[in-house]
Amino acid sequence: MSTLVLELRPGEVMIVNGAPIRCRTKTRLELTAHARFLFGKQIMAPDDVDSPARRIYFALQSAYIGTSLERENGLVAARGYITAFKDSTTSQLAREILDRALTAAEGDNCYQALKLVRRIIRHEDSVLGRPDMPPPEHPPRSDHTARSMVDA
């Protein structure tokens, strides 16, 4: 299994296996085992859930990093939000991306599902004329590959 090295700034939050961790100082972490984690701009706060695509992201975020009950409820909610979004969009590409995201989430690869839904958020923002509202971001990669840890 590969090792993932993360550098976090003071005040930055990371959620590992459902537990929020706030860094007081610049921190360099090394994850040596599989963990469900998000950090920095990948984490969507409840107050930021103000659109259909963001509801999907937040539900999948809960399905990824929540407690076992939150994970189950998050996946159920995501299914409903995805169905509603697909029913209301005219974009075939958006429907396909959402199908892929749901397949990934149901296969316990919520990290990949979140990456796909970030694309939907960008699409939704452009349709709604909200380019100033960036979606949660995928962290820049340095000497590690985040995907290898998640997919392991």
Protein backbone atom coordinates (compact mmCIF):
# COMPACT_ATOMS: atom_id res chain seq x y z
CA MET A 1 0.00 0.00 0.00
CA SER A 2 1.29 3.44 -0.84
CA THR A 3 1.76 6.20 1.68
CA LEU A 4 -0.01 9.52 1.33
CA VAL A 5 1.71 12.66 2.60
CA LEU A 6 -0.44 15.73 3.24
CA GLU A 7 0.64 19.19 4.26
CA LEU A 8 -1.95 21.26 6.09
CA ARG A 9 -1.81 24.92 7.02
CA PRO A 10 -2.67 26.39 10.42
CA GLY A 11 -6.44 26.48 10.90
CA GLU A 12 -7.09 24.01 8.07
CA VAL A 13 -9.56 21.24 8.81
CA MET A 14 -9.28 17.61 7.84
CA ILE A 15 -11.85 14.89 8.41
CA VAL A 16 -10.45 11.39 8.82
CA ASN A 17 -12.88 8.49 9.21
CA GLY A 18 -15.56 10.93 10.36
CA ALA A 19 -13.43 12.76 12.94
CA PRO A 20 -12.74 16.46 12.27
CA ILE A 21 -9.16 17.53 12.95
CA ARG A 22 -8.10 21.19 13.00
CA CYS A 23 -4.42 21.99 12.62
CA ARG A 24 -2.98 24.59 14.97
CA THR A 25 0.32 24.79 13.16
CA LYS A 26 1.63 23.84 9.75
CA THR A 27 1.39 20.07 9.78
CA ARG A 28 2.75 17.31 7.63
CA LEU A 29 0.79 14.08 7.96
CA GLU A 30 1.55 10.68 6.59
CA LEU A 31 -1.37 8.31 6.11
CA THR A 32 -0.01 4.78 5.97
CA ALA A 33 -3.31 2.90 5.88
CA HIS A 34 -6.60 3.25 4.02
CA ALA A 35 -8.72 6.05 5.47
CA ARG A 36 -11.80 8.01 4.44
CA PHE A 37 -10.65 11.60 4.42
CA LEU A 38 -11.32 15.05 3.03
CA PHE A 39 -9.50 18.26 3.80
CA GLY A 40 -9.45 21.95 3.08
CA LYS A 41 -11.68 23.07 0.24
CA GLN A 42 -12.91 19.53 -0.41
CA ILE A 43 -15.13 19.83 2.67
CA MET A 44 -18.51 21.44 2.09
CA ALA A 45 -20.08 23.12 5.12
CA PRO A 46 -23.84 22.79 5.63
CA ASP A 47 -24.23 26.55 5.06
CA ASP A 48 -22.82 26.14 1.53
CA VAL A 49 -25.53 23.69 0.47
CA ASP A 50 -27.66 26.10 -1.55
CA SER A 51 -28.28 24.37 -4.88
CA PRO A 52 -29.29 20.95 -6.21
CA ALA A 53 -25.73 19.95 -7.21
CA ARG A 54 -24.39 21.04 -3.83
CA ARG A 55 -27.08 18.94 -2.10
CA ILE A 56 -25.80 15.94 -4.07
CA TYR A 57 -22.21 16.73 -3.07
CA PHE A 58 -23.10 17.15 0.60
CA ALA A 59 -25.07 13.88 0.66
CA LEU A 60 -22.15 12.04 -0.96
CA GLN A 61 -19.76 13.73 1.46
CA SER A 62 -21.84 12.30 4.31
CA ALA A 63 -21.84 8.91 2.59
CA TYR A 64 -18.05 9.10 2.43
CA ILE A 65 -16.89 10.49 5.78
CA GLY A 66 -19.91 10.19 8.07
CA THR A 67 -20.70 7.62 10.72
CA SER A 68 -22.11 4.32 9.46
CA LEU A 69 -25.69 5.65 9.84
CA GLU A 70 -24.77 8.95 8.15
CA ARG A 71 -23.10 7.04 5.31
CA GLU A 72 -26.22 4.97 4.74
CA ASN A 73 -28.54 7.99 4.93
CA GLY A 74 -26.20 10.05 2.74
CA LEU A 75 -26.30 7.47 -0.03
CA VAL A 76 -30.10 7.27 0.14
CA ALA A 77 -30.33 11.08 -0.03
CA ALA A 78 -27.83 11.23 -2.89
CA ARG A 79 -29.90 8.77 -4.92
CA GLY A 80 -32.96 10.99 -4.53
CA TYR A 81 -31.10 14.22 -5.33
CA ILE A 82 -29.44 12.65 -8.37
CA THR A 83 -32.76 11.41 -9.70
CA ALA A 84 -34.32 14.85 -9.25
CA PHE A 85 -31.35 16.59 -10.90
CA LYS A 86 -31.37 14.19 -13.85
CA ASP A 87 -35.12 14.71 -14.30
CA SER A 88 -34.71 18.48 -14.43
CA THR A 89 -31.57 18.89 -16.54
CA THR A 90 -31.40 19.06 -20.32
CA SER A 91 -27.73 18.06 -20.33
CA GLN A 92 -27.12 14.47 -21.39
CA LEU A 93 -23.49 14.80 -20.24
CA ALA A 94 -24.62 15.86 -16.76
CA ARG A 95 -26.92 12.82 -16.58
CA GLU A 96 -24.06 10.52 -17.59
CA ILE A 97 -21.69 12.05 -15.04
CA LEU A 98 -24.31 11.67 -12.32
CA ASP A 99 -24.85 8.03 -13.30
CA ARG A 100 -21.11 7.45 -13.00
CA ALA A 101 -21.04 9.26 -9.65
CA LEU A 102 -23.87 7.14 -8.26
CA THR A 103 -22.26 3.95 -9.53
CA ALA A 104 -19.00 4.95 -7.85
CA ALA A 105 -20.76 5.78 -4.57
CA GLU A 106 -22.71 2.52 -4.57
CA GLY A 107 -19.41 0.72 -5.18
CA ASP A 108 -17.99 2.39 -2.02
CA ASN A 109 -15.86 4.81 -4.02
CA CYS A 110 -17.42 8.03 -2.76
CA TYR A 111 -14.17 9.93 -3.23
CA GLN A 112 -14.46 9.39 -7.01
CA ALA A 113 -18.16 10.26 -6.83
CA LEU A 114 -17.31 13.57 -5.15
CA LYS A 115 -14.78 14.37 -7.88
CA LEU A 116 -17.46 13.77 -10.52
CA VAL A 117 -20.05 15.88 -8.71
CA ARG A 118 -17.59 18.80 -8.53
CA ARG A 119 -17.92 18.85 -12.34
CA ILE A 120 -21.71 19.05 -11.99
CA ILE A 121 -21.36 21.93 -9.53
CA ARG A 122 -19.21 23.83 -12.05
CA HIS A 123 -21.81 23.13 -14.76
CA GLU A 124 -24.66 24.24 -12.52
CA ASP A 125 -22.81 27.40 -11.51
CA SER A 126 -22.25 28.34 -15.15
CA VAL A 127 -25.92 27.71 -16.00
CA LEU A 128 -27.05 29.74 -12.99
CA GLY A 129 -24.48 32.48 -13.66
CA ARG A 130 -22.63 31.85 -10.39
CA PRO A 131 -18.97 31.64 -11.44
CA ASP A 132 -17.91 33.28 -8.15
CA MET A 133 -19.03 30.23 -6.12
CA PRO A 134 -16.25 27.65 -6.54
CA PRO A 135 -17.06 24.03 -5.71
CA PRO A 136 -14.98 22.10 -3.22
CA GLU A 137 -11.63 21.48 -4.85
CA HIS A 138 -9.44 18.52 -5.37
CA PRO A 139 -6.13 19.26 -3.62
CA PRO A 140 -3.06 19.83 -5.73
CA ARG A 141 -0.92 16.71 -5.92
CA SER A 142 2.68 16.88 -4.84
CA ASP A 143 4.81 13.90 -3.92
CA HIS A 144 1.77 11.71 -3.38
CA THR A 145 -1.19 10.38 -5.24
CA ALA A 146 -4.41 10.78 -3.28
CA ARG A 147 -6.27 8.42 -5.58
CA SER A 148 -4.00 5.51 -4.76
CA MET A 149 -4.95 5.68 -1.09
CA VAL A 150 -8.65 5.98 -1.72
CA ASP A 151 -8.80 3.23 -4.30
CA ALA A 152 -6.69 0.84 -2.22
